[in-house]
Protein backbone atom coordinates (compact mmCIF):
# COMPACT_ATOMS: atom_id res chain seq x y z
CA MET A 1 65.49 64.99 32.09
CA GLN A 2 68.68 65.30 30.98
CA THR A 3 70.36 62.00 29.68
CA TYR A 4 74.72 61.82 29.71
CA PRO A 5 76.44 60.20 26.59
CA GLY A 6 78.17 58.04 29.42
CA ASP A 7 74.58 56.62 30.87
CA PHE A 8 74.44 54.09 27.34
CA ILE A 9 78.20 53.16 28.17
CA LEU A 10 77.35 52.38 32.16
CA GLY A 11 73.83 50.64 30.23
CA ALA A 12 75.74 48.75 28.10
CA THR A 13 78.28 47.74 30.46
CA ALA A 14 75.35 46.49 33.48
CA MET A 15 73.83 44.54 30.31
CA GLY A 16 77.34 42.78 29.71
CA TYR A 17 78.00 41.72 33.67
CA LEU A 18 74.27 40.48 33.44
CA LEU A 19 74.85 38.14 30.81
CA ILE A 20 78.21 37.35 32.32
CA GLY A 21 76.57 36.48 35.36
CA LEU A 22 74.19 33.86 33.37
CA PHE A 23 77.19 32.43 31.67
CA PHE A 24 78.73 30.95 34.68
CA LEU A 25 74.81 30.56 36.05
CA ARG A 26 74.93 27.49 32.99
CA PHE A 27 78.04 26.00 34.23
CA TRP A 28 77.04 25.91 37.67
CA ARG A 29 73.84 24.42 36.60
CA ARG A 30 76.06 21.51 34.78
CA THR A 31 79.06 20.84 37.20
CA ARG A 32 77.17 22.30 41.28
CA ASP A 33 80.50 24.08 41.78
CA THR A 34 80.19 26.82 44.26
CA LEU A 35 83.10 28.93 42.42
CA PHE A 36 80.82 29.44 39.32
CA ILE A 37 77.73 30.38 41.70
CA ALA A 38 80.38 32.50 43.17
CA PHE A 39 81.04 34.05 40.47
CA THR A 40 77.25 34.64 39.22
CA VAL A 41 76.19 36.60 42.22
CA ALA A 42 79.46 38.76 42.33
CA PHE A 43 79.19 39.54 38.32
CA TRP A 44 75.31 40.28 38.84
CA LEU A 45 76.63 42.72 42.01
CA LEU A 46 78.67 44.39 39.57
CA SER A 47 75.89 44.78 37.37
CA ALA A 48 73.59 46.37 40.33
CA ASN A 49 76.93 48.53 40.44
CA ALA A 50 77.07 50.20 36.74
CA ALA A 51 72.91 50.31 36.51
CA ALA A 52 73.01 52.44 40.10
CA PHE A 53 75.43 54.80 38.40
CA ALA A 54 73.38 54.90 35.28
CA VAL A 55 70.40 55.21 36.77
CA GLY A 56 70.73 57.32 40.05
CA HIS A 57 73.65 60.46 38.58
CA PHE A 58 75.39 59.53 41.49
CA PRO A 59 78.81 61.48 41.96
CA ARG A 60 81.72 59.38 41.79
CA GLY A 61 82.67 60.89 45.63
CA GLU A 62 79.33 58.53 46.59
CA GLY A 63 81.25 56.01 48.72
CA TRP A 64 77.86 53.83 49.21
CA VAL A 65 77.19 52.72 45.66
CA TYR A 66 81.06 51.48 45.65
CA LEU A 67 80.10 48.63 48.56
CA LEU A 68 78.68 46.79 45.86
CA ARG A 69 81.94 46.80 43.90
CA LEU A 70 83.76 45.32 47.03
CA ALA A 71 81.51 42.62 48.22
CA ALA A 72 81.71 41.65 44.83
CA PHE A 73 85.42 41.26 44.46
CA THR A 74 85.48 40.27 47.95
CA LEU A 75 83.12 37.24 46.99
CA ILE A 76 85.94 36.57 44.29
CA ILE A 77 88.48 36.53 46.39
CA VAL A 78 86.95 33.77 49.06
CA ALA A 79 85.69 31.53 46.16
CA ILE A 80 89.28 31.44 44.54
CA ILE A 81 90.62 30.76 48.67
CA GLY A 82 88.36 28.32 49.32
CA LYS A 83 88.42 26.92 45.60
CA ASN A 84 91.68 26.27 46.43
CA VAL A 85 91.92 25.65 49.80
CA GLY A 86 89.13 22.71 49.58
CA LYS A 87 92.00 21.01 47.16
CA ARG A 88 94.64 21.02 49.36
CA LYS A 89 92.72 18.91 52.17
CA ARG A 90 91.67 17.08 49.79
C-alpha cells in the first residue's frame, strides 16, 4: 500500500473539522440555537469530505465527493439566512 504525503494533512484537516463541530455542538447544547446545530452538521460534513479524500484516493476530478462540501456550504448559507429572516419577523 502506497501512502501519500498529503494524506496526513487531509487527516489533520478532517480531525480539525470534527473538533470544530464538537465546539459548535457545545454551544448548541447550552443555547439550543438552530444556527449552532447547522454549523455542527456542516463541519462534520466537511470532515467526512476530507476523510473521503484521504482514505479513498479519489482523483480531484471526481464530482460526487464534492457533494459533501456543497451540502455543508449550502447548510451554512441556509442557516445564516434563516437566522437573519427570523430576526426580522420578531
